[in-house]
Amino acid sequence: MNKKVLHTKNLTIGYKNKSNTTVIAKNLDIHLPSGKLFGLIGANGIGKSTLLKTITGIIKPLEGNVFINDKSIETFKSEDLSKELSIVLTEHLPPSNLSVYEIVALGRQPYTNWLGTLSNEDKIKIEEALTLTEIHTFQHKKHFEISDGQLQKTLIARALAQDTDLIILDEPTTHLDLVHKVTLLKLLQKLTHETGKTILYSTHDIDLAIQLCDEIIVITDDKVYQNEPCKLIEEGVFEVIFKNENIQFDASHGKFNIK
């Protein structure tokens, strides 16, 4: 049986300001075992980013708990959490002359000494990450000299070098064409099955998620679902994501059609 890497218990997500509290979803019981690729989908503004920020400890739950390897995320020190969880965001890197290799090496920061000196073990982990993502051919290029698809692979390699059980990606296929989207998602699928890591990514490419994910988490207006794509299709979940007369989900082919 796969190890349960992340799970939530009676989790309520949302945000507070000075005058009120906005609840996005409540009583969430999400389970992410090892060795699986999970997609997170839902309409714009439905709460995908809030869920990701909550389960990664960036914002606190309104209620309930998030557990990583059976330990409450609130009990982790930041340096210890970075050894359990790595995050790949969609933002552009700040101006620098860092090479691809140097970016991947940044994944070893939780383990290096205060001088940032790489040990032999660090170098081995970096090499493994370069190999798994197949980016050796451009490892010495500057990050601004490579394509968006190559940069996404580089950031994934950095997360692999960080050597965490759980990797979370926020819309990693944004700005990529179809070929590079498929290539990237096939890479994530391969990494989960070959390394046993748990990978969760948010996406708007629902058709691709249905084809490539082991399980999908779907956020709707009134409920959050988690299951294998085929079972979500059987339950009619995808048909309620978008309330628009121009879009219809074709359950027989597992994709959305324009009416």
Protein backbone atom coordinates (compact mmCIF):
# COMPACT_ATOMS: atom_id res chain seq x y z
CA MET A 1 0.00 0.00 0.00
CA ASN A 2 1.28 3.48 -0.90
CA LYS A 3 2.39 5.68 1.98
CA LYS A 4 0.08 8.60 2.80
CA VAL A 5 2.32 11.64 2.24
CA LEU A 6 -0.25 14.40 2.75
CA HIS A 7 -3.74 14.39 4.16
CA THR A 8 -6.16 16.94 5.54
CA LYS A 9 -8.71 16.56 8.31
CA ASN A 10 -11.88 18.66 8.46
CA LEU A 11 -10.01 21.39 6.59
CA THR A 12 -11.72 24.71 5.95
CA ILE A 13 -9.95 27.08 3.55
CA GLY A 14 -10.47 30.77 2.89
CA TYR A 15 -9.12 34.09 4.03
CA LYS A 16 -9.71 36.76 6.63
CA ASN A 17 -9.54 40.53 6.57
CA LYS A 18 -10.29 43.10 9.23
CA SER A 19 -14.05 43.03 8.71
CA ASN A 20 -15.00 39.49 7.70
CA THR A 21 -14.03 35.93 6.89
CA THR A 22 -14.53 34.39 3.44
CA VAL A 23 -14.93 30.59 3.38
CA ILE A 24 -14.06 28.94 0.06
CA ALA A 25 -14.47 25.28 1.00
CA LYS A 26 -14.93 23.39 4.24
CA ASN A 27 -14.66 19.91 5.75
CA LEU A 28 -12.04 18.83 3.20
CA ASP A 29 -10.52 15.40 3.66
CA ILE A 30 -7.87 15.10 0.96
CA HIS A 31 -5.46 12.16 0.77
CA LEU A 32 -2.29 12.17 -1.34
CA PRO A 33 -0.43 8.84 -1.22
CA SER A 34 3.06 8.31 -2.60
CA GLY A 35 3.85 7.47 -6.21
CA LYS A 36 0.85 9.24 -7.76
CA LEU A 37 0.23 12.27 -9.96
CA PHE A 38 -2.66 14.48 -8.85
CA GLY A 39 -4.30 17.27 -10.82
CA LEU A 40 -6.18 20.14 -9.17
CA ILE A 41 -8.86 21.69 -11.36
CA GLY A 42 -11.76 24.12 -11.16
CA ALA A 43 -13.05 27.32 -12.71
CA ASN A 44 -11.16 30.61 -12.38
CA GLY A 45 -11.46 32.12 -8.90
CA ILE A 46 -12.89 28.93 -7.39
CA GLY A 47 -10.09 28.55 -4.80
CA LYS A 48 -7.32 26.42 -6.31
CA SER A 49 -4.56 28.81 -5.28
CA THR A 50 -6.02 29.17 -1.79
CA LEU A 51 -6.03 25.40 -1.36
CA LEU A 52 -2.41 25.13 -2.54
CA LYS A 53 -1.31 27.97 -0.23
CA THR A 54 -3.08 26.31 2.70
CA ILE A 55 -1.67 22.82 2.27
CA THR A 56 1.84 24.23 1.80
CA GLY A 57 1.65 26.33 4.95
CA ILE A 58 1.74 29.73 3.22
CA ILE A 59 -1.62 30.64 4.78
CA LYS A 60 -3.26 29.09 7.82
CA PRO A 61 -6.46 27.03 7.62
CA LEU A 62 -9.62 28.66 8.90
CA GLU A 63 -10.32 25.34 10.61
CA GLY A 64 -8.93 21.81 10.60
CA ASN A 65 -5.45 20.49 9.94
CA VAL A 66 -2.97 19.61 7.21
CA PHE A 67 -0.61 16.68 7.83
CA ILE A 68 2.58 15.79 5.98
CA ASN A 69 3.86 12.31 6.77
CA ASP A 70 1.39 12.22 9.67
CA LYS A 71 2.79 15.37 11.27
CA SER A 72 0.78 18.60 11.48
CA ILE A 73 2.22 21.20 9.11
CA GLU A 74 1.89 23.83 11.86
CA THR A 75 4.50 22.01 13.97
CA PHE A 76 7.23 22.17 11.32
CA LYS A 77 9.98 24.76 11.45
CA SER A 78 10.45 26.35 8.03
CA GLU A 79 13.83 24.69 7.48
CA ASP A 80 12.34 21.27 8.33
CA LEU A 81 9.27 21.78 6.14
CA SER A 82 11.56 22.50 3.17
CA LYS A 83 12.87 18.94 3.53
CA GLU A 84 9.34 17.52 3.25
CA LEU A 85 7.76 19.77 0.63
CA SER A 86 8.97 21.59 -2.48
CA ILE A 87 6.97 24.14 -4.48
CA VAL A 88 7.25 25.14 -8.14
CA LEU A 89 5.58 28.47 -8.90
CA THR A 90 4.83 30.08 -12.27
CA GLU A 91 6.49 33.43 -11.55
CA HIS A 92 9.46 34.53 -13.62
CA LEU A 93 12.83 34.32 -11.93
CA PRO A 94 14.32 37.60 -10.69
CA PRO A 95 17.12 39.11 -12.80
CA SER A 96 20.35 37.15 -12.38
CA ASN A 97 23.10 35.39 -14.28
CA LEU A 98 22.39 32.01 -12.73
CA SER A 99 22.94 29.00 -14.96
CA VAL A 100 20.53 26.09 -15.20
CA TYR A 101 22.89 23.99 -13.06
CA GLU A 102 23.07 26.71 -10.40
CA ILE A 103 19.27 26.98 -10.26
CA VAL A 104 18.97 23.22 -9.76
CA ALA A 105 21.68 23.39 -7.08
CA LEU A 106 19.54 25.89 -5.14
CA GLY A 107 17.31 22.94 -4.30
CA ARG A 108 20.04 21.75 -1.93
CA GLN A 109 19.85 24.89 0.26
CA PRO A 110 17.98 23.12 3.10
CA TYR A 111 20.93 20.72 3.44
CA THR A 112 24.03 22.84 2.80
CA ASN A 113 26.11 24.51 5.49
CA TRP A 114 25.88 28.25 6.15
CA LEU A 115 28.43 28.90 3.40
CA GLY A 116 26.29 27.06 0.88
CA THR A 117 29.09 24.63 0.04
CA LEU A 118 27.91 21.56 -1.89
CA SER A 119 28.85 18.19 -0.45
CA ASN A 120 29.34 15.04 -2.52
CA GLU A 121 25.80 13.98 -1.58
CA ASP A 122 24.46 17.34 -2.76
CA LYS A 123 26.23 16.93 -6.10
CA ILE A 124 24.82 13.41 -6.47
CA LYS A 125 21.27 14.66 -5.86
CA ILE A 126 21.77 17.46 -8.40
CA GLU A 127 23.08 14.99 -10.97
CA GLU A 128 20.12 12.68 -10.36
CA ALA A 129 17.72 15.59 -10.88
CA LEU A 130 19.44 16.61 -14.13
CA THR A 131 19.24 13.02 -15.36
CA LEU A 132 15.59 12.47 -14.43
CA THR A 133 14.50 15.67 -16.19
CA GLU A 134 16.90 15.15 -19.12
CA ILE A 135 18.29 18.70 -19.07
CA HIS A 136 22.03 17.92 -19.20
CA THR A 137 22.37 19.38 -22.68
CA PHE A 138 21.65 22.93 -21.53
CA GLN A 139 22.74 22.82 -17.87
CA HIS A 140 25.47 25.43 -18.43
CA LYS A 141 23.21 27.94 -20.19
CA LYS A 142 21.95 31.01 -18.36
CA HIS A 143 18.29 30.75 -17.35
CA PHE A 144 17.34 33.65 -19.65
CA GLU A 145 18.80 31.80 -22.64
CA ILE A 146 16.38 28.87 -22.49
CA SER A 147 12.74 28.41 -23.50
CA ASP A 148 9.74 28.47 -21.16
CA GLY A 149 9.45 24.69 -21.44
CA GLN A 150 13.12 24.22 -20.58
CA LEU A 151 12.77 26.61 -17.65
CA GLN A 152 9.83 24.61 -16.27
CA LYS A 153 11.95 21.44 -16.47
CA THR A 154 14.75 23.29 -14.68
CA LEU A 155 12.45 24.34 -11.84
CA ILE A 156 11.16 20.76 -11.54
CA ALA A 157 14.77 19.57 -11.42
CA ARG A 158 15.39 22.04 -8.59
CA ALA A 159 12.43 20.55 -6.70
CA LEU A 160 13.79 17.04 -7.31
CA ALA A 161 17.23 18.07 -6.02
CA GLN A 162 15.47 19.31 -2.87
CA ASP A 163 14.62 15.63 -2.33
CA THR A 164 11.17 15.96 -0.76
CA ASP A 165 8.39 13.39 -0.66
CA LEU A 166 5.90 15.96 -1.97
CA ILE A 167 6.17 18.35 -4.92
CA ILE A 168 3.44 20.93 -5.58
CA LEU A 169 3.27 22.94 -8.80
CA ASP A 170 1.07 25.96 -9.49
CA GLU A 171 -0.11 25.83 -13.13
CA PRO A 172 3.18 24.56 -14.60
CA THR A 173 1.80 24.33 -18.17
CA THR A 174 0.88 28.02 -18.43
CA HIS A 175 2.47 29.68 -21.50
CA LEU A 176 3.43 26.33 -23.04
CA ASP A 177 2.21 25.04 -26.40
CA LEU A 178 0.43 21.69 -26.63
CA VAL A 179 3.56 19.64 -27.37
CA HIS A 180 5.45 21.12 -24.42
CA LYS A 181 2.42 20.74 -22.15
CA VAL A 182 2.17 17.05 -22.93
CA THR A 183 5.94 16.59 -22.60
CA LEU A 184 5.96 18.26 -19.19
CA LEU A 185 2.99 16.31 -17.85
CA LYS A 186 4.42 13.03 -19.14
CA LEU A 187 7.60 13.95 -17.23
CA LEU A 188 5.62 14.51 -14.02
CA GLN A 189 3.83 11.21 -14.55
CA LYS A 190 7.16 9.43 -15.05
CA LEU A 191 8.68 11.01 -11.96
CA THR A 192 5.87 9.85 -9.68
CA HIS A 193 6.00 6.30 -10.97
CA GLU A 194 9.81 6.02 -11.05
CA THR A 195 10.74 7.90 -7.87
CA GLY A 196 7.66 7.25 -5.72
CA LYS A 197 7.22 10.95 -5.08
CA THR A 198 3.80 12.55 -4.72
CA ILE A 199 3.13 15.35 -7.20
CA LEU A 200 0.14 17.70 -7.14
CA TYR A 201 -0.30 20.37 -9.78
CA SER A 202 -3.04 22.90 -10.54
CA THR A 203 -4.13 23.30 -14.13
CA HIS A 204 -6.73 24.59 -16.58
CA ASP A 205 -5.85 21.84 -19.06
CA ILE A 206 -8.59 19.52 -17.87
CA ASP A 207 -8.59 17.23 -20.91
CA LEU A 208 -4.87 16.48 -20.39
CA ALA A 209 -5.34 15.96 -16.66
CA ILE A 210 -8.07 13.39 -17.35
CA GLN A 211 -5.70 11.46 -19.60
CA LEU A 212 -2.51 11.64 -17.52
CA CYS A 213 -3.35 11.97 -13.80
CA ASP A 214 -3.78 9.05 -11.42
CA GLU A 215 -6.36 11.09 -9.50
CA ILE A 216 -7.94 14.52 -9.83
CA ILE A 217 -9.16 16.95 -7.18
CA VAL A 218 -12.07 19.01 -8.47
CA ILE A 219 -13.25 22.19 -6.74
CA THR A 220 -16.82 23.24 -7.52
CA ASP A 221 -19.08 25.88 -5.98
CA ASP A 222 -20.50 23.52 -3.38
CA LYS A 223 -18.13 20.57 -3.02
CA VAL A 224 -14.59 19.26 -3.49
CA TYR A 225 -14.21 15.87 -5.16
CA GLN A 226 -11.21 13.54 -5.32
CA ASN A 227 -11.07 10.34 -7.33
CA GLU A 228 -9.67 8.60 -10.40
CA PRO A 229 -10.64 10.40 -13.63
CA CYS A 230 -12.80 7.53 -14.88
CA LYS A 231 -14.81 7.49 -11.65
CA LEU A 232 -15.27 11.26 -11.69
CA ILE A 233 -16.60 10.92 -15.24
CA GLU A 234 -19.04 8.22 -14.09
CA GLU A 235 -20.23 10.51 -11.27
CA GLY A 236 -20.83 13.40 -13.68
CA VAL A 237 -18.44 15.70 -11.80
CA PHE A 238 -16.88 17.35 -14.85
CA GLU A 239 -20.29 18.39 -16.14
CA VAL A 240 -20.77 20.85 -13.26
CA ILE A 241 -17.39 22.63 -13.38
CA PHE A 242 -18.43 25.23 -15.94
CA LYS A 243 -21.92 26.68 -16.00
CA ASN A 244 -21.90 27.88 -19.58
CA GLU A 245 -24.25 27.00 -22.39
CA ASN A 246 -21.39 27.01 -24.92
CA ILE A 247 -19.40 24.24 -23.24
CA GLN A 248 -20.46 20.64 -22.71
CA PHE A 249 -18.56 17.70 -21.28
CA ASP A 250 -18.60 14.58 -23.46
CA ALA A 251 -18.46 11.69 -20.98
CA SER A 252 -18.07 9.08 -23.73
CA HIS A 253 -14.79 10.64 -24.91
CA GLY A 254 -13.69 12.26 -21.64
CA LYS A 255 -13.31 15.80 -22.97
CA PHE A 256 -15.06 19.15 -23.30
CA ASN A 257 -16.77 20.15 -26.54
CA ILE A 258 -17.91 23.54 -27.79
CA LYS A 259 -21.60 23.50 -28.60
